[in-house]
N, C-alpha and C. Protein backbone atom coordinates (compact mmCIF):
# COMPACT_ATOMS: atom_id res chain seq x y z
N MET A 1 6.10 -58.16 30.96
CA MET A 1 5.65 -58.19 31.74
C MET A 1 3.90 -57.93 32.30
N THR A 2 3.66 -59.18 32.73
CA THR A 2 2.21 -58.47 33.65
C THR A 2 2.37 -58.30 35.07
N ASN A 3 2.30 -57.23 35.37
CA ASN A 3 1.65 -57.32 37.30
C ASN A 3 1.57 -55.41 37.58
N SER A 4 0.35 -55.36 37.85
CA SER A 4 -0.32 -54.21 38.27
C SER A 4 0.60 -53.75 39.35
N LEU A 5 1.42 -53.78 39.94
CA LEU A 5 1.89 -53.53 40.77
C LEU A 5 3.55 -52.47 40.19
N PHE A 6 4.01 -53.33 39.62
CA PHE A 6 4.93 -53.00 38.88
C PHE A 6 4.35 -51.94 37.75
N GLU A 7 3.36 -52.24 37.09
CA GLU A 7 2.90 -51.36 35.76
C GLU A 7 2.68 -49.54 36.99
N HIS A 8 2.12 -49.92 37.98
CA HIS A 8 1.68 -48.77 38.31
C HIS A 8 3.30 -47.55 39.18
N VAL A 9 3.77 -48.44 39.44
CA VAL A 9 5.29 -47.59 40.18
C VAL A 9 6.18 -47.84 38.64
N SER A 10 5.98 -48.23 38.16
CA SER A 10 7.26 -47.82 36.59
C SER A 10 6.41 -46.87 35.93
N ALA A 11 4.23 -46.55 36.06
CA ALA A 11 4.25 -44.99 35.90
C ALA A 11 4.48 -44.28 36.62
N VAL A 12 4.60 -44.44 37.74
CA VAL A 12 5.06 -42.78 38.40
C VAL A 12 6.35 -42.77 38.98
N ILE A 13 7.48 -43.77 38.36
CA ILE A 13 8.76 -43.15 38.40
C ILE A 13 9.02 -42.70 36.70
N LYS A 14 8.32 -43.39 35.81
CA LYS A 14 8.43 -42.25 34.74
C LYS A 14 7.43 -41.17 34.28
N ASP A 15 6.96 -40.62 34.59
CA ASP A 15 5.98 -39.71 34.43
C ASP A 15 6.15 -38.58 35.74
N ARG A 16 6.74 -38.96 36.80
CA ARG A 16 7.53 -38.10 37.85
C ARG A 16 8.09 -36.55 36.66
N ARG A 17 7.99 -35.08 37.19
CA ARG A 17 8.63 -33.91 36.91
C ARG A 17 9.00 -33.44 37.76
N SER A 18 10.22 -32.99 37.51
CA SER A 18 10.11 -31.33 38.05
C SER A 18 9.38 -30.03 37.31
N VAL A 19 9.02 -29.63 39.11
CA VAL A 19 7.64 -28.23 38.15
C VAL A 19 8.84 -27.27 39.27
N SER A 20 9.09 -26.30 38.37
CA SER A 20 10.29 -25.56 39.39
C SER A 20 8.83 -24.70 40.08
N TRP A 21 9.37 -23.71 41.64
CA TRP A 21 8.21 -23.14 42.51
C TRP A 21 7.85 -22.32 41.91
N ALA A 22 8.35 -21.11 41.03
CA ALA A 22 7.32 -20.29 40.02
C ALA A 22 6.35 -20.43 38.90
N LYS A 23 6.10 -22.28 39.29
CA LYS A 23 5.05 -22.67 38.62
C LYS A 23 4.32 -23.43 39.24
N MET A 24 4.42 -22.99 40.60
CA MET A 24 3.35 -24.08 41.62
C MET A 24 2.10 -22.54 41.91
N ASN A 25 1.50 -23.13 42.55
CA ASN A 25 0.18 -22.48 42.75
C ASN A 25 -0.37 -21.11 43.75
N GLY A 26 -0.09 -21.89 44.46
CA GLY A 26 -0.22 -21.91 46.07
C GLY A 26 -1.28 -22.41 47.00
N GLY A 27 -1.29 -23.57 46.31
CA GLY A 27 -2.37 -24.79 46.72
C GLY A 27 -1.41 -25.30 48.18
N LEU A 28 -2.75 -25.08 48.98
CA LEU A 28 -1.81 -25.91 49.63
C LEU A 28 -1.98 -27.68 50.42
N ILE A 29 -1.31 -27.78 50.98
CA ILE A 29 -1.05 -29.57 51.09
C ILE A 29 -1.04 -29.78 52.01
N PRO A 30 -2.21 -30.15 52.89
CA PRO A 30 -2.54 -30.81 54.58
C PRO A 30 -0.78 -31.30 55.22
N ASP A 31 -0.61 -30.86 56.06
CA ASP A 31 0.49 -31.12 56.30
C ASP A 31 0.38 -32.71 57.00
N ALA A 32 -0.61 -33.41 57.54
CA ALA A 32 -0.90 -34.90 56.98
C ALA A 32 -0.12 -35.57 55.72
N VAL A 33 -0.31 -34.78 54.54
CA VAL A 33 0.16 -35.46 53.43
C VAL A 33 0.87 -35.64 53.89
N VAL A 34 2.18 -34.12 53.82
CA VAL A 34 3.54 -33.84 53.59
C VAL A 34 4.04 -35.05 54.74
N ASN A 35 3.47 -35.48 55.83
CA ASN A 35 3.78 -36.03 56.63
C ASN A 35 4.14 -37.85 56.49
N ASP A 36 2.72 -38.59 55.39
CA ASP A 36 2.98 -39.53 54.80
C ASP A 36 4.82 -39.76 53.71
N LEU A 37 4.28 -38.45 53.22
CA LEU A 37 5.70 -38.03 52.22
C LEU A 37 7.11 -38.69 53.37
N LEU A 38 7.17 -37.57 54.20
CA LEU A 38 8.21 -37.45 54.64
C LEU A 38 8.32 -39.15 55.26
N GLY A 39 7.08 -40.12 55.93
CA GLY A 39 7.30 -41.15 56.14
C GLY A 39 7.83 -42.61 55.19
N LEU A 40 7.70 -42.10 53.67
CA LEU A 40 8.28 -42.94 52.85
C LEU A 40 9.47 -42.57 52.13
N ALA A 41 10.10 -41.36 52.73
CA ALA A 41 12.03 -41.05 53.08
C ALA A 41 11.92 -42.79 54.53
N HIS A 42 11.20 -42.53 54.76
CA HIS A 42 12.23 -43.08 56.02
C HIS A 42 12.49 -44.65 56.30
N TRP A 43 11.92 -45.30 54.31
CA TRP A 43 12.03 -46.60 54.53
C TRP A 43 12.96 -47.17 52.88
N ALA A 44 14.12 -45.30 52.92
CA ALA A 44 14.74 -45.68 52.11
C ALA A 44 16.20 -46.47 52.71
N PRO A 45 16.27 -47.60 51.25
CA PRO A 45 17.85 -47.94 51.74
C PRO A 45 19.07 -47.46 52.61
N THR A 46 19.95 -48.04 53.71
CA THR A 46 20.73 -47.29 54.31
C THR A 46 21.44 -48.34 54.72
N HIS A 47 22.70 -48.21 54.97
CA HIS A 47 24.08 -49.51 54.79
C HIS A 47 23.53 -49.30 56.56
N ALA A 48 23.65 -50.58 57.29
CA ALA A 48 23.51 -50.65 58.50
C ALA A 48 23.19 -50.35 59.44
N ARG A 49 21.59 -50.03 58.36
CA ARG A 49 20.71 -49.13 59.16
C ARG A 49 21.23 -47.98 60.14
N THR A 50 21.87 -47.13 59.31
CA THR A 50 22.24 -45.35 59.90
C THR A 50 21.11 -44.26 59.85
N GLU A 51 20.26 -44.85 58.65
CA GLU A 51 19.39 -43.94 58.50
C GLU A 51 19.83 -42.09 58.17
N PRO A 52 20.71 -41.70 57.39
CA PRO A 52 21.14 -40.76 57.73
C PRO A 52 20.66 -39.61 57.07
N TRP A 53 19.55 -39.88 56.68
CA TRP A 53 17.99 -38.39 56.71
C TRP A 53 17.79 -37.52 57.99
N GLN A 54 17.74 -36.12 57.31
CA GLN A 54 17.30 -35.06 58.06
C GLN A 54 16.51 -34.64 57.76
N PHE A 55 14.94 -34.04 58.28
CA PHE A 55 14.60 -32.94 57.14
C PHE A 55 13.90 -31.90 58.11
N TRP A 56 13.64 -31.03 57.69
CA TRP A 56 13.33 -29.81 57.94
C TRP A 56 12.04 -28.76 57.47
N VAL A 57 10.97 -29.20 57.44
CA VAL A 57 9.81 -28.89 56.99
C VAL A 57 9.54 -27.66 57.22
N TYR A 58 8.86 -26.80 55.93
CA TYR A 58 8.17 -25.33 56.81
C TYR A 58 7.11 -25.36 56.01
N SER A 59 5.87 -23.95 56.37
CA SER A 59 4.98 -23.67 56.55
C SER A 59 4.40 -22.50 56.51
N GLY A 60 3.76 -22.23 56.12
CA GLY A 60 2.62 -20.74 56.96
C GLY A 60 3.26 -19.75 56.88
N ALA A 61 3.34 -19.28 58.00
CA ALA A 61 4.60 -18.03 57.94
C ALA A 61 5.86 -18.20 58.21
N ALA A 62 6.34 -19.22 58.98
CA ALA A 62 7.08 -20.15 58.96
C ALA A 62 8.21 -20.36 57.89
N LEU A 63 7.32 -20.66 56.67
CA LEU A 63 7.91 -21.21 55.37
C LEU A 63 8.15 -19.94 54.60
N SER A 64 7.62 -18.96 54.87
CA SER A 64 7.77 -16.90 53.99
C SER A 64 8.91 -16.49 55.07
N GLY A 65 9.30 -16.90 56.58
CA GLY A 65 10.36 -16.77 57.56
C GLY A 65 12.00 -17.23 56.76
N PHE A 66 11.30 -18.01 56.23
CA PHE A 66 13.03 -19.45 55.67
C PHE A 66 12.87 -18.79 54.74
N GLY A 67 11.37 -18.21 53.91
CA GLY A 67 12.58 -17.05 52.29
C GLY A 67 13.34 -15.90 53.10
N LYS A 68 13.36 -15.58 53.68
CA LYS A 68 14.04 -14.30 54.56
C LYS A 68 14.85 -14.29 54.58
N THR A 69 14.76 -15.81 55.73
CA THR A 69 16.22 -16.14 56.43
C THR A 69 17.59 -16.50 54.68
N HIS A 70 16.68 -17.58 53.87
CA HIS A 70 16.90 -17.43 53.01
C HIS A 70 18.38 -16.20 52.20
N ALA A 71 17.24 -15.28 52.09
CA ALA A 71 17.75 -13.77 51.00
C ALA A 71 19.02 -13.02 52.56
N ASP A 72 18.79 -13.02 53.20
CA ASP A 72 19.82 -12.61 54.41
C ASP A 72 20.86 -13.34 54.91
N LEU A 73 21.18 -15.16 54.60
CA LEU A 73 22.10 -15.92 54.28
C LEU A 73 23.22 -15.31 53.12
N TYR A 74 22.27 -15.39 51.88
CA TYR A 74 22.83 -14.75 50.84
C TYR A 74 23.63 -13.87 51.38
N TRP A 75 22.69 -13.02 51.25
CA TRP A 75 23.21 -11.37 51.25
C TRP A 75 24.54 -11.78 52.11
N ALA A 76 24.54 -11.96 53.92
CA ALA A 76 25.70 -11.81 54.49
C ALA A 76 27.22 -12.68 54.59
N HIS A 77 26.55 -13.63 53.35
CA HIS A 77 27.56 -14.51 53.54
C HIS A 77 28.65 -14.67 52.06
N THR A 78 28.09 -13.82 50.73
CA THR A 78 28.43 -13.81 49.49
C THR A 78 29.09 -11.94 48.98
N PRO A 79 30.01 -12.75 48.81
CA PRO A 79 31.08 -10.60 48.71
C PRO A 79 30.95 -9.89 48.02
N GLU A 80 30.69 -8.78 48.55
CA GLU A 80 29.95 -7.92 49.10
C GLU A 80 29.85 -7.40 46.69
N GLU A 81 30.99 -7.13 46.13
CA GLU A 81 31.23 -7.76 44.46
C GLU A 81 30.64 -8.77 43.93
N LYS A 82 29.65 -9.22 45.10
CA LYS A 82 28.81 -10.35 43.69
C LYS A 82 27.78 -10.12 43.54
N ARG A 83 27.25 -10.00 45.36
CA ARG A 83 25.50 -9.84 45.44
C ARG A 83 25.02 -8.73 44.98
N LEU A 84 23.46 -9.72 44.35
CA LEU A 84 22.86 -9.04 43.31
C LEU A 84 21.69 -8.82 44.42
N GLU A 85 20.44 -7.60 44.41
CA GLU A 85 19.82 -7.23 44.42
C GLU A 85 18.10 -7.94 44.11
N ALA A 86 18.48 -8.70 42.68
CA ALA A 86 18.06 -9.97 42.35
C ALA A 86 17.46 -11.01 42.55
N THR A 87 19.09 -11.61 42.83
CA THR A 87 19.46 -12.77 43.65
C THR A 87 18.63 -13.37 45.37
N TYR A 88 19.23 -11.68 45.69
CA TYR A 88 18.18 -11.47 46.85
C TYR A 88 16.70 -11.66 46.95
N THR A 89 16.29 -10.99 46.35
CA THR A 89 14.53 -11.72 45.73
C THR A 89 13.95 -12.18 45.91
N LYS A 90 14.65 -12.99 44.98
CA LYS A 90 14.50 -14.50 44.04
C LYS A 90 14.13 -15.70 45.50
N LEU A 91 15.36 -15.10 46.12
CA LEU A 91 15.66 -16.22 47.28
C LEU A 91 14.51 -15.77 48.47
N GLU A 92 13.81 -14.68 48.74
CA GLU A 92 13.07 -14.25 49.71
C GLU A 92 11.95 -14.52 49.29
N HIS A 93 11.13 -14.56 47.93
CA HIS A 93 10.69 -14.79 47.43
C HIS A 93 10.28 -15.82 46.53
N ASN A 94 11.19 -16.78 46.94
CA ASN A 94 10.50 -17.79 45.75
C ASN A 94 10.04 -19.04 46.52
N VAL A 95 10.09 -19.18 47.69
CA VAL A 95 8.79 -19.78 48.50
C VAL A 95 7.36 -19.60 48.61
N ASP A 96 6.83 -18.31 47.71
CA ASP A 96 5.87 -17.37 48.30
C ASP A 96 4.39 -18.47 47.46
N LYS A 97 4.97 -19.26 46.07
CA LYS A 97 3.68 -20.22 45.90
C LYS A 97 3.75 -21.70 46.20
N ALA A 98 5.45 -21.94 46.85
CA ALA A 98 4.74 -23.66 47.41
C ALA A 98 4.22 -23.19 48.83
N SER A 99 3.93 -24.63 49.18
CA SER A 99 2.97 -24.92 50.52
C SER A 99 3.36 -25.75 51.31
N HIS A 100 4.33 -26.58 50.97
CA HIS A 100 5.83 -26.56 51.77
C HIS A 100 7.33 -26.47 51.25
N LEU A 101 8.31 -26.32 51.99
CA LEU A 101 9.50 -26.07 51.60
C LEU A 101 10.11 -27.69 53.01
N VAL A 102 10.76 -28.01 52.18
CA VAL A 102 11.65 -29.43 53.26
C VAL A 102 12.41 -28.91 53.09
N ILE A 103 13.74 -28.86 53.97
CA ILE A 103 15.04 -28.69 53.61
C ILE A 103 16.15 -30.28 53.69
N ALA A 104 16.52 -31.03 52.91
CA ALA A 104 16.85 -32.16 53.33
C ALA A 104 18.72 -32.70 53.37
N ALA A 105 19.13 -33.27 54.54
CA ALA A 105 20.65 -33.18 54.02
C ALA A 105 20.64 -34.61 54.48
N MET A 106 21.77 -35.14 54.76
CA MET A 106 22.77 -35.99 55.10
C MET A 106 23.04 -35.90 56.68
N LYS A 107 22.94 -36.12 57.56
CA LYS A 107 23.75 -36.20 58.94
C LYS A 107 24.38 -37.00 58.93
N ARG A 108 25.65 -37.50 59.23
CA ARG A 108 26.67 -38.32 59.28
C ARG A 108 26.41 -39.20 60.13
N GLY A 109 25.77 -40.41 59.96
CA GLY A 109 25.59 -41.47 61.31
C GLY A 109 27.37 -41.61 61.68
N ILE A 110 26.93 -42.54 63.28
CA ILE A 110 28.26 -42.57 63.73
C ILE A 110 29.45 -44.29 63.75
N ASN A 111 28.58 -44.35 62.91
CA ASN A 111 29.71 -45.86 61.93
C ASN A 111 30.40 -45.17 61.25
N PRO A 112 32.22 -45.10 61.88
CA PRO A 112 32.91 -44.56 60.41
C PRO A 112 33.24 -45.66 59.91
N LYS A 113 32.51 -46.65 59.60
CA LYS A 113 32.49 -47.89 58.95
C LYS A 113 32.46 -47.75 57.90
N ILE A 114 30.90 -47.02 57.83
CA ILE A 114 30.23 -46.29 56.65
C ILE A 114 30.27 -45.45 55.75
N PRO A 115 31.24 -45.63 54.27
CA PRO A 115 31.71 -45.17 53.11
C PRO A 115 30.57 -43.47 53.30
N LEU A 116 31.56 -42.17 53.38
CA LEU A 116 30.42 -41.11 53.14
C LEU A 116 29.77 -41.87 51.67
N ILE A 117 30.25 -41.79 50.85
CA ILE A 117 29.15 -41.71 49.68
C ILE A 117 27.66 -42.45 49.44
N GLU A 118 28.21 -43.15 50.58
CA GLU A 118 26.75 -44.64 50.77
C GLU A 118 25.86 -43.63 51.48
N GLU A 119 26.14 -42.92 52.42
CA GLU A 119 25.41 -42.21 53.20
C GLU A 119 25.02 -40.93 52.27
N VAL A 120 25.73 -40.36 51.73
CA VAL A 120 24.45 -39.71 50.78
C VAL A 120 23.84 -39.96 49.94
N ALA A 121 23.73 -41.38 49.18
CA ALA A 121 23.68 -41.85 48.60
C ALA A 121 22.02 -42.62 48.76
N ALA A 122 22.20 -43.25 50.79
CA ALA A 122 20.73 -43.55 50.50
C ALA A 122 19.75 -41.78 51.21
N ALA A 123 20.71 -41.17 51.73
CA ALA A 123 19.41 -39.73 51.93
C ALA A 123 19.06 -39.35 50.68
N SER A 124 19.72 -39.70 49.57
CA SER A 124 19.02 -38.70 48.54
C SER A 124 18.06 -40.38 48.04
N ALA A 125 18.10 -41.47 48.60
CA ALA A 125 17.32 -42.20 48.08
C ALA A 125 16.25 -41.82 48.86
N ALA A 126 16.08 -41.04 50.18
CA ALA A 126 15.34 -41.32 50.76
C ALA A 126 13.92 -40.00 49.87
N ILE A 127 14.72 -39.12 49.02
CA ILE A 127 14.78 -37.78 48.50
C ILE A 127 13.33 -38.52 47.68
N GLN A 128 14.04 -39.15 47.00
CA GLN A 128 13.94 -40.07 45.44
C GLN A 128 11.75 -40.23 46.30
N ASN A 129 11.68 -41.60 47.09
CA ASN A 129 10.97 -41.21 47.93
C ASN A 129 9.83 -40.47 47.90
N ILE A 130 10.36 -38.90 48.72
CA ILE A 130 9.53 -38.04 48.76
C ILE A 130 8.88 -37.76 47.41
N LEU A 131 9.03 -37.67 46.45
CA LEU A 131 9.53 -36.77 45.04
C LEU A 131 8.65 -37.82 44.14
N LEU A 132 8.87 -39.46 44.06
CA LEU A 132 7.99 -40.14 43.72
C LEU A 132 6.22 -40.33 44.84
N GLY A 133 6.84 -40.44 45.78
CA GLY A 133 4.95 -40.12 46.61
C GLY A 133 4.67 -39.03 45.93
N ALA A 134 5.36 -37.79 46.66
CA ALA A 134 4.19 -36.77 45.97
C ALA A 134 3.75 -36.03 44.01
N ALA A 135 4.54 -37.71 43.38
CA ALA A 135 4.14 -37.27 42.04
C ALA A 135 3.09 -38.49 41.92
N SER A 136 2.85 -38.78 42.93
CA SER A 136 1.87 -40.38 42.81
C SER A 136 0.57 -40.05 43.55
N LEU A 137 0.66 -38.64 44.42
CA LEU A 137 -0.44 -37.88 44.62
C LEU A 137 -0.94 -36.44 43.69
N GLY A 138 0.17 -36.46 43.09
CA GLY A 138 -0.42 -35.30 42.05
C GLY A 138 0.50 -33.47 42.43
N ILE A 139 0.86 -33.94 43.32
CA ILE A 139 1.55 -33.02 44.13
C ILE A 139 2.61 -32.61 43.24
N ALA A 140 3.27 -31.56 42.80
CA ALA A 140 3.98 -30.66 42.31
C ALA A 140 5.42 -30.71 43.19
N SER A 141 6.77 -30.97 42.89
CA SER A 141 7.64 -30.65 43.32
C SER A 141 9.07 -30.43 42.78
N PHE A 142 10.09 -29.63 43.41
CA PHE A 142 10.93 -29.53 42.37
C PHE A 142 12.43 -29.23 43.48
N TRP A 143 13.11 -30.44 43.01
CA TRP A 143 15.04 -29.96 44.73
C TRP A 143 15.32 -29.33 44.03
N SER A 144 15.59 -28.17 44.48
CA SER A 144 16.79 -27.44 44.31
C SER A 144 17.76 -27.77 44.65
N THR A 145 19.39 -27.36 44.50
CA THR A 145 20.56 -26.65 45.19
C THR A 145 20.90 -25.52 45.07
N GLY A 146 20.04 -24.53 43.65
CA GLY A 146 20.42 -23.37 44.51
C GLY A 146 20.34 -22.68 45.99
N GLY A 147 20.64 -20.97 45.49
CA GLY A 147 21.24 -20.45 46.82
C GLY A 147 21.69 -20.65 47.48
N MET A 148 21.87 -20.82 48.50
CA MET A 148 22.40 -21.48 49.81
C MET A 148 23.02 -22.85 50.29
N THR A 149 22.37 -23.63 49.48
CA THR A 149 22.22 -25.03 49.49
C THR A 149 23.61 -25.76 50.00
N HIS A 150 24.75 -25.15 49.45
CA HIS A 150 25.84 -25.97 49.41
C HIS A 150 26.91 -25.05 50.14
N SER A 151 25.74 -24.16 50.69
CA SER A 151 26.92 -23.31 51.33
C SER A 151 27.03 -23.47 53.51
N PRO A 152 28.31 -23.75 53.46
CA PRO A 152 28.60 -23.62 55.05
C PRO A 152 27.62 -22.35 56.01
N ALA A 153 26.79 -21.64 55.39
CA ALA A 153 26.46 -20.96 56.46
C ALA A 153 24.77 -21.06 56.45
N LEU A 154 24.42 -21.52 55.53
CA LEU A 154 22.98 -23.03 55.74
C LEU A 154 23.51 -23.90 56.49
N ARG A 155 24.49 -24.47 56.79
CA ARG A 155 24.66 -26.27 57.45
C ARG A 155 24.42 -25.67 58.64
N ASP A 156 25.84 -24.46 58.70
CA ASP A 156 25.67 -23.65 60.96
C ASP A 156 24.44 -23.54 60.90
N HIS A 157 23.22 -22.73 60.14
CA HIS A 157 22.17 -21.99 60.36
C HIS A 157 21.19 -23.25 61.35
N LEU A 158 21.21 -24.33 60.47
CA LEU A 158 20.35 -26.03 60.58
C LEU A 158 21.13 -26.61 61.74
N GLY A 159 22.41 -25.64 61.91
CA GLY A 159 22.62 -27.00 63.88
C GLY A 159 23.01 -28.07 62.76
N LEU A 160 23.69 -28.11 61.62
CA LEU A 160 24.71 -29.32 61.29
C LEU A 160 26.36 -29.25 61.85
N SER A 161 26.86 -30.40 61.42
CA SER A 161 27.98 -30.44 61.97
C SER A 161 28.96 -30.60 60.86
N GLU A 162 29.76 -30.05 60.45
CA GLU A 162 30.46 -29.68 59.03
C GLU A 162 31.00 -31.39 58.82
N HIS A 163 30.46 -32.62 59.44
CA HIS A 163 30.33 -33.29 58.37
C HIS A 163 29.51 -34.12 57.75
N ASP A 164 28.58 -32.97 57.77
CA ASP A 164 26.69 -33.00 57.99
C ASP A 164 26.52 -32.47 56.44
N ILE A 165 25.67 -33.32 55.01
CA ILE A 165 25.40 -32.28 53.65
C ILE A 165 24.34 -31.84 53.99
N VAL A 166 24.30 -30.44 53.39
CA VAL A 166 22.75 -30.08 53.04
C VAL A 166 22.55 -30.57 51.28
N LEU A 167 21.87 -31.38 51.43
CA LEU A 167 21.31 -32.21 49.42
C LEU A 167 20.38 -31.09 48.99
N GLY A 168 19.79 -30.54 49.35
CA GLY A 168 18.42 -29.64 48.54
C GLY A 168 17.04 -28.97 49.23
N LEU A 169 16.72 -28.52 49.22
CA LEU A 169 15.55 -27.88 49.43
C LEU A 169 14.42 -28.36 47.99
N LEU A 170 13.69 -29.34 48.80
CA LEU A 170 12.07 -29.53 48.37
C LEU A 170 10.99 -28.44 48.85
N PHE A 171 10.91 -28.21 47.25
CA PHE A 171 9.32 -27.02 47.16
C PHE A 171 8.31 -28.25 46.29
N LEU A 172 7.24 -27.73 47.01
CA LEU A 172 6.19 -28.86 47.04
C LEU A 172 4.71 -28.29 47.45
N GLY A 173 3.67 -28.34 46.36
CA GLY A 173 2.76 -27.73 46.18
C GLY A 173 1.78 -28.02 45.20
N TYR A 174 1.23 -27.53 44.54
CA TYR A 174 0.46 -27.76 43.56
C TYR A 174 0.94 -26.77 42.15
N THR A 175 0.36 -27.23 41.14
CA THR A 175 0.68 -27.05 39.61
C THR A 175 -0.82 -26.54 38.75
N ASP A 176 -1.06 -25.66 38.22
CA ASP A 176 -1.88 -25.24 36.72
C ASP A 176 -1.19 -25.93 35.94
N GLU A 177 -0.15 -25.99 35.59
CA GLU A 177 0.68 -26.81 33.96
C GLU A 177 0.56 -27.55 33.84
N PRO A 178 0.28 -28.20 32.49
CA PRO A 178 0.18 -29.45 32.18
C PRO A 178 1.77 -30.02 32.62
N ALA A 179 1.89 -31.39 32.57
CA ALA A 179 2.53 -31.93 32.46
C ALA A 179 3.55 -31.92 31.64
N LYS A 180 4.79 -31.68 32.26
CA LYS A 180 6.21 -31.94 30.32
C LYS A 180 6.53 -33.52 29.71
N PRO A 181 6.18 -33.64 28.94
CA PRO A 181 6.82 -35.04 28.48
C PRO A 181 8.38 -35.66 29.16
N GLY A 182 8.46 -36.71 29.10
CA GLY A 182 9.92 -36.93 29.75
C GLY A 182 10.78 -37.38 28.55
N VAL A 183 12.29 -36.64 28.45
CA VAL A 183 13.05 -36.30 27.98
C VAL A 183 14.02 -37.34 28.56
N ARG A 184 14.82 -38.04 27.83
CA ARG A 184 16.08 -38.40 28.44
C ARG A 184 17.23 -39.15 26.92
N HIS A 185 18.39 -38.51 27.09
CA HIS A 185 19.28 -38.05 26.02
C HIS A 185 19.69 -39.55 25.43
N THR A 186 19.51 -40.92 26.19
CA THR A 186 20.19 -41.60 25.68
C THR A 186 19.48 -42.63 25.65
N GLN A 187 19.38 -44.13 25.15
CA GLN A 187 18.84 -45.41 25.83
C GLN A 187 19.17 -46.02 26.42
N VAL A 188 18.43 -46.32 27.32
CA VAL A 188 19.25 -46.99 29.33
C VAL A 188 19.78 -48.74 28.40
N SER A 189 19.77 -48.59 26.77
CA SER A 189 20.81 -49.75 26.27
C SER A 189 22.64 -49.33 26.43
N GLU A 190 22.29 -48.17 25.98
CA GLU A 190 23.38 -47.16 26.30
C GLU A 190 24.49 -47.44 27.33
N LYS A 191 23.62 -47.83 28.80
CA LYS A 191 24.50 -47.37 29.89
C LYS A 191 24.06 -48.53 30.25
N VAL A 192 23.44 -49.63 29.98
CA VAL A 192 23.91 -50.84 30.47
C VAL A 192 24.96 -51.87 29.32
N LYS A 193 25.56 -52.97 30.26
CA LYS A 193 26.17 -54.28 29.71
C LYS A 193 25.88 -55.08 30.33
N TRP A 194 24.97 -56.19 29.34
CA TRP A 194 25.38 -57.72 29.95
C TRP A 194 26.68 -58.48 29.90
N LEU A 195 26.69 -58.76 30.82
CA LEU A 195 27.75 -59.63 30.98
C LEU A 195 27.50 -61.38 30.70
């Protein structure tokens, strides 16, 4: 197939890599660029146009503040016998080298006919749009589900309802690390049945 747009999109998809927040270098992304990435998210497929994605963007002092808040939520909502100072410190400082942090959630639409899984799929597609847009601009990204991501404590902190789901923390920044080669453990032919 010869089509330059397909080839470009294909290259971005195949070349996208997760870059751990620890491997980011502290370089700053202009807010306008992050806003453009969020604009791409808004074009994800969505059944009945429920548009169930919701984002919170942290940068600068707010980013550092979220690191502390995240660590405090962990400490307050983890049984004392399971708390670790190392985890607290990691959550407090894992934002230090990122330019921006985007918390991504599925905010349940008001149409009860739309199955929950379709709302999660739409919000996840919105996240993928952000990651692909970032990759096309040479921006490092990391979709994290660690820390308090799936805890009711973070959901409540964000003012979400019990029907909403925090899907991840998206770290955005720059890195000096060379891109790693892509790895898949199977061939696409193993995942596809032609009938």
